[in-house]
């Protein structure tokens, strides 16, 4: 399985390199971003290449996905702690029920005796 992952990573890397090489001229184009906010007026960025924009967008996506993964991991760890505590409590209860003393009266014979008396 480790080798299959490595081969897939290499293939994805080759596809990315092929796309970058084939689109070098288009991605080198410089653009300006303009935003018109209600409170701060119009803001314009300096010239940025599309490579920079794609890279920054990719990094932001990786960071946001990583943060989501970390939050999810903490939530699942908390859930595991709660379930482990609940399991321990139920095991203790089960063990205490298993260790109850056995009574000498048989429940089945008590029922039949009460039916015969009537």
C-alpha atoms as a PDB file:
ATOM      1  CA  UNK A   1       0.000   0.000   0.000  1.00  0.00           C
ATOM      2  CA  UNK A   2       2.920   2.318   0.747  1.00  0.00           C
ATOM      3  CA  UNK A   3       4.237   1.891  -2.787  1.00  0.00           C
ATOM      4  CA  UNK A   4       0.820   2.568  -4.323  1.00  0.00           C
ATOM      5  CA  UNK A   5       0.578   5.875  -2.432  1.00  0.00           C
ATOM      6  CA  UNK A   6       4.054   6.854  -3.594  1.00  0.00           C
ATOM      7  CA  UNK A   7       3.166   6.084  -7.213  1.00  0.00           C
ATOM      8  CA  UNK A   8      -0.052   8.118  -6.928  1.00  0.00           C
ATOM      9  CA  UNK A   9       1.838  11.088  -5.443  1.00  0.00           C
ATOM     10  CA  UNK A  10       4.360  10.943  -8.280  1.00  0.00           C
ATOM     11  CA  UNK A  11       1.571  10.824 -10.885  1.00  0.00           C
ATOM     12  CA  UNK A  12      -0.232  13.795  -9.319  1.00  0.00           C
ATOM     13  CA  UNK A  13       3.050  15.722  -9.218  1.00  0.00           C
ATOM     14  CA  UNK A  14       3.690  14.984 -12.895  1.00  0.00           C
ATOM     15  CA  UNK A  15       0.196  16.194 -13.820  1.00  0.00           C
ATOM     16  CA  UNK A  16       0.755  19.423 -11.874  1.00  0.00           C
ATOM     17  CA  UNK A  17       4.123  20.000 -13.576  1.00  0.00           C
ATOM     18  CA  UNK A  18       2.572  19.368 -17.009  1.00  0.00           C
ATOM     19  CA  UNK A  19      -0.234  21.855 -16.320  1.00  0.00           C
ATOM     20  CA  UNK A  20       2.217  24.506 -15.088  1.00  0.00           C
ATOM     21  CA  UNK A  21       4.506  24.111 -18.099  1.00  0.00           C
ATOM     22  CA  UNK A  22       1.649  24.200 -20.610  1.00  0.00           C
ATOM     23  CA  UNK A  23       0.043  27.279 -19.016  1.00  0.00           C
ATOM     24  CA  UNK A  24       3.156  29.269 -18.130  1.00  0.00           C
ATOM     25  CA  UNK A  25       2.329  32.257 -20.361  1.00  0.00           C
ATOM     26  CA  UNK A  26      -1.231  32.578 -19.094  1.00  0.00           C
ATOM     27  CA  UNK A  27      -0.253  32.137 -15.435  1.00  0.00           C
ATOM     28  CA  UNK A  28       2.503  34.779 -15.709  1.00  0.00           C
ATOM     29  CA  UNK A  29      -0.056  37.461 -16.507  1.00  0.00           C
ATOM     30  CA  UNK A  30      -0.129  40.243 -13.939  1.00  0.00           C
ATOM     31  CA  UNK A  31      -3.494  41.415 -12.637  1.00  0.00           C
ATOM     32  CA  UNK A  32      -4.808  43.913 -10.089  1.00  0.00           C
ATOM     33  CA  UNK A  33      -7.603  43.180  -7.668  1.00  0.00           C
ATOM     34  CA  UNK A  34     -10.065  45.909  -6.793  1.00  0.00           C
ATOM     35  CA  UNK A  35     -12.619  45.825  -3.996  1.00  0.00           C
ATOM     36  CA  UNK A  36     -15.196  48.458  -3.230  1.00  0.00           C
ATOM     37  CA  UNK A  37     -16.258  48.239   0.402  1.00  0.00           C
ATOM     38  CA  UNK A  38     -19.101  50.143   1.944  1.00  0.00           C
ATOM     39  CA  UNK A  39     -17.097  51.613   4.845  1.00  0.00           C
ATOM     40  CA  UNK A  40     -13.509  51.853   3.549  1.00  0.00           C
ATOM     41  CA  UNK A  41     -14.057  52.884  -0.063  1.00  0.00           C
ATOM     42  CA  UNK A  42     -12.292  51.380  -3.033  1.00  0.00           C
ATOM     43  CA  UNK A  43      -9.074  49.432  -2.462  1.00  0.00           C
ATOM     44  CA  UNK A  44      -6.747  48.169  -5.196  1.00  0.00           C
ATOM     45  CA  UNK A  45      -3.834  45.739  -4.917  1.00  0.00           C
ATOM     46  CA  UNK A  46      -0.553  46.067  -6.747  1.00  0.00           C
ATOM     47  CA  UNK A  47       0.134  43.902  -9.783  1.00  0.00           C
ATOM     48  CA  UNK A  48       0.123  40.217  -8.873  1.00  0.00           C
ATOM     49  CA  UNK A  49       0.882  37.286 -11.135  1.00  0.00           C
ATOM     50  CA  UNK A  50      -1.680  34.538 -11.374  1.00  0.00           C
ATOM     51  CA  UNK A  51       0.956  32.133 -10.011  1.00  0.00           C
ATOM     52  CA  UNK A  52       1.018  34.153  -6.794  1.00  0.00           C
ATOM     53  CA  UNK A  53      -2.762  34.224  -6.562  1.00  0.00           C
ATOM     54  CA  UNK A  54      -3.065  30.469  -7.142  1.00  0.00           C
ATOM     55  CA  UNK A  55      -0.308  29.736  -4.613  1.00  0.00           C
ATOM     56  CA  UNK A  56      -1.797  31.978  -1.904  1.00  0.00           C
ATOM     57  CA  UNK A  57      -5.262  30.532  -2.502  1.00  0.00           C
ATOM     58  CA  UNK A  58      -3.874  27.000  -2.264  1.00  0.00           C
ATOM     59  CA  UNK A  59      -2.029  27.766   0.979  1.00  0.00           C
ATOM     60  CA  UNK A  60      -5.155  29.360   2.481  1.00  0.00           C
ATOM     61  CA  UNK A  61      -7.136  26.245   1.554  1.00  0.00           C
ATOM     62  CA  UNK A  62      -4.527  23.997   3.173  1.00  0.00           C
ATOM     63  CA  UNK A  63      -4.536  26.116   6.342  1.00  0.00           C
ATOM     64  CA  UNK A  64      -8.338  26.232   6.597  1.00  0.00           C
ATOM     65  CA  UNK A  65      -8.631  22.501   5.967  1.00  0.00           C
ATOM     66  CA  UNK A  66      -5.922  21.839   8.565  1.00  0.00           C
ATOM     67  CA  UNK A  67      -7.727  23.984  11.132  1.00  0.00           C
ATOM     68  CA  UNK A  68     -10.963  22.148  10.439  1.00  0.00           C
ATOM     69  CA  UNK A  69      -9.129  18.839  10.851  1.00  0.00           C
ATOM     70  CA  UNK A  70      -7.641  19.938  14.173  1.00  0.00           C
ATOM     71  CA  UNK A  71     -11.033  21.055  15.493  1.00  0.00           C
ATOM     72  CA  UNK A  72     -12.583  17.762  14.360  1.00  0.00           C
ATOM     73  CA  UNK A  73      -9.763  15.815  16.021  1.00  0.00           C
ATOM     74  CA  UNK A  74     -10.329  17.581  19.360  1.00  0.00           C
ATOM     75  CA  UNK A  75     -14.083  16.963  19.091  1.00  0.00           C
ATOM     76  CA  UNK A  76     -13.531  13.265  18.430  1.00  0.00           C
ATOM     77  CA  UNK A  77     -11.010  12.959  21.296  1.00  0.00           C
ATOM     78  CA  UNK A  78     -13.564  14.498  23.647  1.00  0.00           C
ATOM     79  CA  UNK A  79     -16.194  12.052  22.390  1.00  0.00           C
ATOM     80  CA  UNK A  80     -13.784   9.141  22.940  1.00  0.00           C
ATOM     81  CA  UNK A  81     -13.138  10.287  26.532  1.00  0.00           C
ATOM     82  CA  UNK A  82     -16.873  10.508  27.247  1.00  0.00           C
ATOM     83  CA  UNK A  83     -17.556   7.092  25.738  1.00  0.00           C
ATOM     84  CA  UNK A  84     -14.592   5.524  27.577  1.00  0.00           C
ATOM     85  CA  UNK A  85     -15.848   6.913  30.885  1.00  0.00           C
ATOM     86  CA  UNK A  86     -19.344   5.628  30.130  1.00  0.00           C
ATOM     87  CA  UNK A  87     -17.937   2.196  29.219  1.00  0.00           C
ATOM     88  CA  UNK A  88     -15.952   2.037  32.482  1.00  0.00           C
ATOM     89  CA  UNK A  89     -19.071   2.896  34.484  1.00  0.00           C
ATOM     90  CA  UNK A  90     -21.115   0.233  32.707  1.00  0.00           C
ATOM     91  CA  UNK A  91     -18.376  -2.361  33.188  1.00  0.00           C
ATOM     92  CA  UNK A  92     -18.228  -1.555  36.907  1.00  0.00           C
ATOM     93  CA  UNK A  93     -21.994  -1.880  37.151  1.00  0.00           C
ATOM     94  CA  UNK A  94     -21.919  -5.195  35.291  1.00  0.00           C
ATOM     95  CA  UNK A  95     -19.143  -6.529  37.520  1.00  0.00           C
ATOM     96  CA  UNK A  96     -21.047  -5.491  40.634  1.00  0.00           C
ATOM     97  CA  UNK A  97     -24.130  -7.308  39.324  1.00  0.00           C
ATOM     98  CA  UNK A  98     -22.067 -10.394  38.561  1.00  0.00           C
ATOM     99  CA  UNK A  99     -20.680 -10.417  42.097  1.00  0.00           C
ATOM    100  CA  UNK A 100     -24.066 -10.344  43.836  1.00  0.00           C
ATOM    101  CA  UNK A 101     -24.521 -13.243  46.240  1.00  0.00           C
ATOM    102  CA  UNK A 102     -26.550 -16.169  44.982  1.00  0.00           C
ATOM    103  CA  UNK A 103     -29.753 -16.697  46.965  1.00  0.00           C
ATOM    104  CA  UNK A 104     -30.791 -20.130  48.065  1.00  0.00           C
ATOM    105  CA  UNK A 105     -34.387 -19.679  46.895  1.00  0.00           C
ATOM    106  CA  UNK A 106     -34.916 -20.715  43.320  1.00  0.00           C
ATOM    107  CA  UNK A 107     -37.112 -18.260  41.465  1.00  0.00           C
ATOM    108  CA  UNK A 108     -38.621 -21.004  39.317  1.00  0.00           C
ATOM    109  CA  UNK A 109     -39.672 -23.144  42.287  1.00  0.00           C
ATOM    110  CA  UNK A 110     -41.175 -20.177  44.104  1.00  0.00           C
ATOM    111  CA  UNK A 111     -43.495 -19.527  41.177  1.00  0.00           C
ATOM    112  CA  UNK A 112     -44.681 -23.088  40.915  1.00  0.00           C
ATOM    113  CA  UNK A 113     -45.297 -23.313  44.677  1.00  0.00           C
ATOM    114  CA  UNK A 114     -47.478 -20.216  44.644  1.00  0.00           C
ATOM    115  CA  UNK A 115     -49.482 -21.579  41.701  1.00  0.00           C
ATOM    116  CA  UNK A 116     -50.028 -24.949  43.419  1.00  0.00           C
ATOM    117  CA  UNK A 117     -51.355 -23.318  46.608  1.00  0.00           C
ATOM    118  CA  UNK A 118     -54.102 -21.531  44.735  1.00  0.00           C
END
